[in-house]
N, C-alpha and C. Protein backbone atom coordinates (compact mmCIF):
# COMPACT_ATOMS: atom_id res chain seq x y z
N MET A 1 390.44 156.78 68.76
CA MET A 1 389.07 155.83 68.52
C MET A 1 388.74 155.16 69.82
N LYS A 2 387.49 155.39 69.80
CA LYS A 2 386.95 154.85 71.09
C LYS A 2 386.32 153.56 70.74
N PHE A 3 386.64 152.34 71.63
CA PHE A 3 386.04 151.16 71.42
C PHE A 3 385.00 150.94 72.53
N ARG A 4 384.10 150.45 71.98
CA ARG A 4 382.89 149.95 72.89
C ARG A 4 383.01 148.92 73.37
N ARG A 5 382.62 148.90 74.69
CA ARG A 5 382.79 147.32 75.22
C ARG A 5 381.92 146.46 74.89
N ALA A 6 382.41 145.22 74.57
CA ALA A 6 381.30 144.12 73.95
C ALA A 6 380.36 143.81 75.36
N GLU A 7 379.14 143.76 75.08
CA GLU A 7 378.29 143.32 76.22
C GLU A 7 378.23 141.63 76.08
N PRO A 8 378.31 141.27 77.43
CA PRO A 8 378.65 139.55 77.52
C PRO A 8 377.05 139.05 76.91
N GLU A 9 377.53 138.16 76.20
CA GLU A 9 376.26 137.53 75.67
C GLU A 9 375.45 136.61 76.70
N MET A 10 374.22 136.71 76.70
CA MET A 10 373.69 135.67 77.75
C MET A 10 373.18 134.42 77.04
N PRO A 11 373.72 133.27 77.81
CA PRO A 11 373.76 132.08 77.71
C PRO A 11 372.22 131.56 77.42
N GLU A 12 372.10 130.79 76.32
CA GLU A 12 370.83 130.25 76.01
C GLU A 12 370.63 128.70 76.76
N LEU A 13 369.69 128.36 77.03
CA LEU A 13 369.39 127.13 77.42
C LEU A 13 368.75 126.48 76.55
N ASN A 14 369.27 125.56 75.73
CA ASN A 14 368.47 124.85 74.65
C ASN A 14 367.72 123.79 74.91
N VAL A 15 366.57 123.68 75.16
CA VAL A 15 365.80 122.38 75.74
C VAL A 15 365.09 121.61 74.60
N VAL A 16 365.28 121.99 73.41
CA VAL A 16 364.65 121.13 72.37
C VAL A 16 365.08 119.74 72.41
N SER A 17 366.29 119.33 72.27
CA SER A 17 366.88 117.91 72.76
C SER A 17 366.01 117.13 74.04
N PHE A 18 366.14 118.14 75.08
CA PHE A 18 365.49 117.48 76.17
C PHE A 18 364.02 117.26 76.18
N ILE A 19 363.50 118.02 75.33
CA ILE A 19 361.99 117.71 75.31
C ILE A 19 361.89 116.53 74.39
N ASP A 20 362.77 116.48 73.25
CA ASP A 20 362.68 115.13 72.30
C ASP A 20 362.76 113.95 73.38
N VAL A 21 363.67 113.98 73.90
CA VAL A 21 364.12 112.65 74.94
C VAL A 21 362.72 112.35 75.78
N LEU A 22 362.18 113.54 76.33
CA LEU A 22 361.02 113.12 77.37
C LEU A 22 359.92 112.71 76.38
N LEU A 23 359.67 113.11 75.11
CA LEU A 23 358.48 112.58 74.47
C LEU A 23 358.85 111.13 74.20
N MET A 24 360.04 111.07 73.62
CA MET A 24 360.14 109.44 73.31
C MET A 24 360.27 108.63 74.46
N LEU A 25 360.60 109.08 75.55
CA LEU A 25 360.19 108.23 76.97
C LEU A 25 358.80 108.07 77.19
N LEU A 26 357.94 109.16 76.86
CA LEU A 26 356.59 109.03 77.17
C LEU A 26 355.89 107.96 76.23
N VAL A 27 356.20 108.16 75.03
CA VAL A 27 355.86 107.06 73.91
C VAL A 27 356.13 105.92 74.58
N PHE A 28 357.54 105.49 74.90
CA PHE A 28 357.84 104.40 75.35
C PHE A 28 357.00 103.74 76.23
N PHE A 29 356.92 104.42 77.48
CA PHE A 29 356.01 103.98 78.61
C PHE A 29 354.57 103.79 78.24
N MET A 30 353.97 104.69 77.18
CA MET A 30 352.78 104.46 76.83
C MET A 30 352.50 103.24 76.34
N LEU A 31 353.32 102.73 74.94
CA LEU A 31 353.13 101.48 74.60
C LEU A 31 353.61 100.50 75.27
N SER A 32 354.42 100.33 76.28
CA SER A 32 354.82 99.25 77.17
C SER A 32 353.64 98.91 78.16
N THR A 33 352.94 99.94 78.32
CA THR A 33 351.96 99.33 79.38
C THR A 33 350.82 98.99 78.96
N THR A 34 350.54 99.30 77.58
CA THR A 34 349.29 98.52 77.14
C THR A 34 349.37 97.09 76.87
N PHE A 35 350.79 96.88 76.66
CA PHE A 35 350.91 95.20 76.45
C PHE A 35 350.88 94.44 77.73
N ILE A 36 350.61 95.02 79.00
CA ILE A 36 350.28 94.30 80.21
C ILE A 36 349.18 94.06 80.32
N GLN A 37 348.52 92.83 80.39
CA GLN A 37 347.10 92.42 80.44
C GLN A 37 347.12 91.45 81.71
N SER A 38 346.71 92.07 82.67
CA SER A 38 346.62 91.12 84.08
C SER A 38 345.53 90.24 84.11
N ALA A 39 344.50 90.31 83.04
CA ALA A 39 343.37 89.54 83.07
C ALA A 39 343.70 87.97 82.63
N HIS A 40 344.73 88.01 81.69
CA HIS A 40 345.18 86.98 81.24
C HIS A 40 346.21 85.91 82.17
N LEU A 41 346.61 86.61 83.04
CA LEU A 41 347.62 85.80 84.00
C LEU A 41 347.09 84.81 84.80
N LYS A 42 347.57 83.78 84.70
CA LYS A 42 347.07 82.68 85.79
C LYS A 42 347.95 82.69 87.00
N ILE A 43 347.47 83.08 88.09
CA ILE A 43 348.30 83.17 89.18
C ILE A 43 347.94 82.19 90.43
N GLN A 44 349.10 81.45 90.87
CA GLN A 44 348.84 80.64 91.94
C GLN A 44 349.42 81.43 93.23
N LEU A 45 348.69 81.66 94.17
CA LEU A 45 349.07 82.55 95.47
C LEU A 45 350.26 81.85 96.08
N PRO A 46 351.38 82.19 96.43
CA PRO A 46 352.47 81.58 97.26
C PRO A 46 352.25 81.44 98.65
N LYS A 47 352.92 80.15 98.96
CA LYS A 47 352.92 80.08 100.53
C LYS A 47 353.93 81.17 100.98
N ALA A 48 353.97 81.72 102.16
CA ALA A 48 354.90 82.60 102.66
C ALA A 48 355.84 82.22 103.66
N ALA A 49 356.92 82.46 103.47
CA ALA A 49 358.16 82.06 104.34
C ALA A 49 358.38 83.60 105.23
N VAL A 50 358.23 83.37 106.33
CA VAL A 50 358.45 84.63 107.16
C VAL A 50 359.26 84.44 108.35
N ASN A 51 359.67 85.45 108.78
CA ASN A 51 360.47 85.54 110.05
C ASN A 51 359.24 85.90 111.15
N ALA A 52 359.05 85.06 112.21
CA ALA A 52 357.98 85.47 112.93
C ALA A 52 358.28 86.47 114.13
N THR A 53 357.64 87.29 114.34
CA THR A 53 357.88 88.18 115.61
C THR A 53 356.75 88.03 116.52
N PRO A 54 356.90 87.46 117.76
CA PRO A 54 355.81 87.48 118.64
C PRO A 54 354.51 88.26 118.56
N MET A 55 353.28 87.95 118.19
CA MET A 55 352.48 88.62 118.18
C MET A 55 351.69 89.01 119.31
N LYS A 56 351.29 90.23 119.62
CA LYS A 56 350.55 90.64 120.70
C LYS A 56 349.12 90.25 120.85
N SER A 57 348.82 90.02 122.11
CA SER A 57 347.23 89.30 121.89
C SER A 57 346.33 90.63 121.54
N GLY A 58 345.49 90.13 120.99
CA GLY A 58 344.33 90.93 120.26
C GLY A 58 343.31 90.49 119.90
N LEU A 59 342.65 91.02 118.92
CA LEU A 59 341.35 90.33 118.18
C LEU A 59 341.58 89.62 117.18
N VAL A 60 341.27 88.23 117.22
CA VAL A 60 341.57 87.26 116.01
C VAL A 60 339.95 87.19 115.23
N ILE A 61 339.98 87.34 114.03
CA ILE A 61 338.87 87.31 113.08
C ILE A 61 339.39 86.19 112.30
N SER A 62 338.38 84.95 112.38
CA SER A 62 338.70 83.87 111.39
C SER A 62 337.44 83.61 110.52
N ILE A 63 337.78 83.18 109.26
CA ILE A 63 336.88 82.81 108.12
C ILE A 63 337.08 81.50 107.70
N ASP A 64 335.71 80.67 108.08
CA ASP A 64 336.04 79.35 107.22
C ASP A 64 335.83 79.18 105.94
N ARG A 65 335.84 78.10 105.52
CA ARG A 65 335.70 77.71 104.03
C ARG A 65 334.39 78.27 103.42
N ARG A 66 333.39 78.33 104.30
CA ARG A 66 331.84 78.27 103.98
C ARG A 66 331.81 79.98 103.94
N GLY A 67 332.81 80.71 104.43
CA GLY A 67 332.45 81.93 104.81
C GLY A 67 331.78 82.48 105.95
N ARG A 68 331.81 81.68 106.97
CA ARG A 68 331.35 81.98 108.26
C ARG A 68 332.53 82.94 108.98
N TYR A 69 332.08 83.91 109.93
CA TYR A 69 332.97 84.57 110.51
C TYR A 69 332.92 84.19 111.75
N TYR A 70 334.25 84.23 112.52
CA TYR A 70 334.34 84.03 114.14
C TYR A 70 335.20 85.02 114.56
N VAL A 71 334.62 85.71 115.61
CA VAL A 71 335.34 86.81 116.37
C VAL A 71 335.69 86.07 117.67
N ASP A 72 337.09 86.05 117.68
CA ASP A 72 337.68 85.50 118.90
C ASP A 72 337.08 84.27 119.22
N GLN A 73 337.16 83.32 118.32
CA GLN A 73 336.53 81.88 118.22
C GLN A 73 335.12 81.74 118.49
N GLU A 74 334.31 82.79 118.42
CA GLU A 74 333.10 82.71 118.55
C GLU A 74 332.10 82.88 117.13
N ALA A 75 331.58 82.01 116.74
CA ALA A 75 330.82 81.99 115.52
C ALA A 75 329.86 83.15 115.63
N LEU A 76 329.70 83.89 114.40
CA LEU A 76 328.52 84.74 114.35
C LEU A 76 327.35 84.07 113.77
N SER A 77 326.20 84.88 114.24
CA SER A 77 324.81 84.02 113.76
C SER A 77 324.85 84.43 112.13
N ARG A 78 325.29 85.30 111.55
CA ARG A 78 325.11 85.78 110.03
C ARG A 78 326.32 86.21 109.65
N SER A 79 326.90 85.92 108.34
CA SER A 79 327.90 86.20 107.83
C SER A 79 327.95 87.60 106.98
N SER A 80 327.73 88.56 107.75
CA SER A 80 327.34 89.92 107.06
C SER A 80 328.28 90.89 107.63
N ALA A 81 328.62 91.97 106.87
CA ALA A 81 329.31 92.93 107.25
C ALA A 81 328.81 93.62 108.60
N ARG A 82 327.50 93.78 108.83
CA ARG A 82 326.99 94.31 110.00
C ARG A 82 327.04 93.43 111.32
N ALA A 83 326.95 92.39 110.98
CA ALA A 83 326.88 91.30 112.08
C ALA A 83 328.42 91.48 112.52
N LEU A 84 329.49 91.29 111.55
CA LEU A 84 330.89 91.53 112.11
C LEU A 84 331.23 92.68 112.54
N ASP A 85 330.78 93.78 112.39
CA ASP A 85 331.06 94.95 112.83
C ASP A 85 330.39 95.02 114.23
N GLN A 86 329.40 94.54 114.49
CA GLN A 86 328.84 94.65 115.75
C GLN A 86 329.52 93.66 116.89
N ALA A 87 329.85 92.38 116.42
CA ALA A 87 330.74 91.63 117.22
C ALA A 87 332.17 92.33 117.52
N ILE A 88 332.59 92.86 116.29
CA ILE A 88 334.16 93.68 116.90
C ILE A 88 333.94 94.89 117.75
N ARG A 89 332.66 95.57 117.53
CA ARG A 89 332.40 96.51 118.42
C ARG A 89 332.27 96.24 120.08
N ARG A 90 331.78 95.04 120.01
CA ARG A 90 331.63 94.40 121.34
C ARG A 90 332.76 93.89 121.97
N PHE A 91 333.73 93.28 121.08
CA PHE A 91 335.06 92.64 121.73
C PHE A 91 335.78 93.87 121.90
N ILE A 92 336.19 95.04 121.15
CA ILE A 92 337.16 95.99 121.45
C ILE A 92 336.61 97.23 122.40
N GLY A 93 335.35 97.52 122.41
CA GLY A 93 334.97 98.75 123.49
C GLY A 93 335.36 99.97 122.56
N HIS A 94 336.17 100.58 123.77
CA HIS A 94 336.82 101.96 123.21
C HIS A 94 338.14 101.83 122.72
N ARG A 95 338.84 100.49 122.79
CA ARG A 95 340.24 100.45 122.27
C ARG A 95 340.24 100.66 120.93
N ARG A 96 341.09 101.28 120.44
CA ARG A 96 341.38 101.55 118.88
C ARG A 96 343.11 101.26 118.62
N LYS A 97 343.86 100.97 119.47
CA LYS A 97 345.17 100.38 118.95
C LYS A 97 345.17 98.75 119.37
N ILE A 98 344.29 98.09 119.26
CA ILE A 98 344.22 96.63 119.26
C ILE A 98 344.89 96.10 118.27
N PRO A 99 345.80 95.15 118.31
CA PRO A 99 346.17 94.50 116.97
C PRO A 99 345.00 93.43 116.58
N VAL A 100 344.97 93.41 115.20
CA VAL A 100 343.83 92.42 114.64
C VAL A 100 344.50 91.35 113.77
N THR A 101 344.20 90.12 113.86
CA THR A 101 344.80 89.02 113.30
C THR A 101 343.44 88.45 112.22
N ILE A 102 343.69 88.31 111.05
CA ILE A 102 342.69 87.87 110.19
C ILE A 102 343.14 86.53 109.63
N ARG A 103 342.43 85.45 110.09
CA ARG A 103 342.92 83.92 109.63
C ARG A 103 341.55 83.64 108.75
N ALA A 104 342.26 83.60 107.28
CA ALA A 104 340.90 82.93 106.42
C ALA A 104 341.45 81.58 105.50
N ASP A 105 340.53 80.99 105.65
CA ASP A 105 340.82 79.49 104.99
C ASP A 105 341.18 80.04 103.50
N ALA A 106 342.19 79.11 102.88
CA ALA A 106 342.47 79.35 101.54
C ALA A 106 341.55 79.22 100.43
N ARG A 107 340.43 78.48 100.87
CA ARG A 107 339.46 78.43 99.69
C ARG A 107 338.43 79.02 100.04
N VAL A 108 338.40 80.42 100.67
CA VAL A 108 337.27 81.16 101.07
C VAL A 108 337.20 82.17 99.81
N PRO A 109 336.06 82.45 99.31
CA PRO A 109 336.10 83.74 98.26
C PRO A 109 336.92 84.89 98.73
N TYR A 110 337.39 85.51 98.08
CA TYR A 110 338.40 86.78 98.40
C TYR A 110 337.43 87.78 98.89
N GLN A 111 336.22 88.08 98.62
CA GLN A 111 335.30 89.10 99.13
C GLN A 111 335.08 89.03 100.49
N PHE A 112 335.12 87.91 101.09
CA PHE A 112 335.05 87.86 102.61
C PHE A 112 336.15 88.39 103.17
N VAL A 113 337.13 88.12 102.88
CA VAL A 113 338.56 88.47 103.50
C VAL A 113 338.35 90.21 103.35
N VAL A 114 338.11 90.84 102.18
CA VAL A 114 337.83 92.05 101.65
C VAL A 114 336.90 92.99 102.62
N THR A 115 335.82 92.19 103.05
CA THR A 115 334.77 92.64 103.72
C THR A 115 335.18 92.61 105.15
N ALA A 116 336.11 91.78 105.83
CA ALA A 116 336.73 91.84 106.95
C ALA A 116 337.62 93.10 106.99
N LEU A 117 338.67 93.22 106.08
CA LEU A 117 339.33 94.18 106.20
C LEU A 117 338.69 95.51 106.04
N ASN A 118 337.76 95.83 105.42
CA ASN A 118 336.75 97.04 105.31
C ASN A 118 336.41 97.20 106.50
N VAL A 119 335.69 96.26 107.23
CA VAL A 119 334.85 96.30 108.61
C VAL A 119 335.95 96.74 109.48
N VAL A 120 337.04 96.11 109.57
CA VAL A 120 338.30 96.78 110.49
C VAL A 120 338.83 98.04 110.24
N GLY A 121 339.10 98.44 108.99
CA GLY A 121 339.50 99.66 108.62
C GLY A 121 338.46 100.73 109.03
N GLN A 122 337.07 100.44 108.80
CA GLN A 122 336.19 101.44 109.04
C GLN A 122 336.05 101.93 110.79
N LEU A 123 336.46 100.88 111.65
CA LEU A 123 336.45 100.95 112.81
C LEU A 123 337.88 101.63 113.44
N GLY A 124 338.58 101.85 112.57
CA GLY A 124 339.93 102.87 113.02
C GLY A 124 340.91 101.71 113.31
N LEU A 125 340.81 100.58 113.17
CA LEU A 125 342.01 99.53 113.94
C LEU A 125 343.10 99.46 112.77
N HIS A 126 344.28 99.93 112.81
CA HIS A 126 345.05 99.97 111.87
C HIS A 126 346.38 98.94 112.18
N GLN A 127 346.44 98.08 112.83
CA GLN A 127 347.34 97.18 113.11
C GLN A 127 346.72 95.64 112.75
N ILE A 128 346.90 95.58 111.45
CA ILE A 128 346.26 94.37 110.83
C ILE A 128 347.29 93.20 110.50
N ASN A 129 346.95 91.85 110.85
CA ASN A 129 347.85 91.01 110.57
C ASN A 129 347.09 89.86 109.81
N LEU A 130 347.71 89.44 108.72
CA LEU A 130 347.07 88.25 107.83
C LEU A 130 347.91 87.12 107.94
N VAL A 131 347.09 85.91 108.40
CA VAL A 131 347.81 84.81 108.39
C VAL A 131 348.06 83.87 107.38
N THR A 132 349.11 83.48 107.14
CA THR A 132 349.40 82.43 105.84
C THR A 132 350.24 81.19 106.36
N VAL A 133 350.04 80.27 105.23
CA VAL A 133 350.70 79.20 105.96
C VAL A 133 352.11 79.09 105.38
N GLY A 134 353.15 78.79 106.13
CA GLY A 134 354.36 78.85 105.77
C GLY A 134 355.66 78.40 106.74
N THR A 135 356.56 78.65 106.18
CA THR A 135 357.89 78.09 107.40
C THR A 135 357.95 79.47 108.31
N VAL A 136 357.78 79.22 109.57
CA VAL A 136 358.12 80.28 110.55
C VAL A 136 359.26 80.02 111.23
N THR A 137 360.00 80.89 111.14
CA THR A 137 361.39 80.63 111.88
C THR A 137 361.51 81.79 112.93
N SER A 138 362.46 81.71 113.88
CA SER A 138 362.32 82.64 114.96
C SER A 138 363.26 84.12 114.54
N PRO A 139 362.80 84.88 114.92
CA PRO A 139 363.59 86.44 114.77
C PRO A 139 365.23 86.21 115.11
N PRO A 140 366.04 86.87 114.33
CA PRO A 140 367.60 86.65 114.61
C PRO A 140 367.63 87.37 116.07
N ALA A 141 368.63 86.80 116.70
CA ALA A 141 368.81 87.27 118.06
C ALA A 141 369.70 88.63 117.82
N ARG A 142 369.28 89.55 118.79
CA ARG A 142 369.91 90.76 118.58
C ARG A 142 370.97 90.95 119.98
């Protein structure tokens, strides 16, 4: 009597339970994100406690509480993006690796800060510092 060799069974990967778990996670995250309503949050921006590092000299843009821009302590005649752009171009020339520090009054409308960030970004300046009020300590000694 001749016996046939049994062919090895091919293992099957049962992914049905894996798909069930993924669908349950998807439903959970969809439901949990709908409960987040940022429009109803009352936010008071914190003061910053920072470890200060020495800042390199560069361009300083200041914004007072009336929304007037100052480039390197020189007041601009108009508080517009175009005037800010022209003043920054005069200051930096062809340099693009100059650090920029933005100092804005806490009571200035946020749009003025965003406009300054937008102008600086469009000019290709990427080293941007935002000044906050806080406890400044020296960096740790190395």
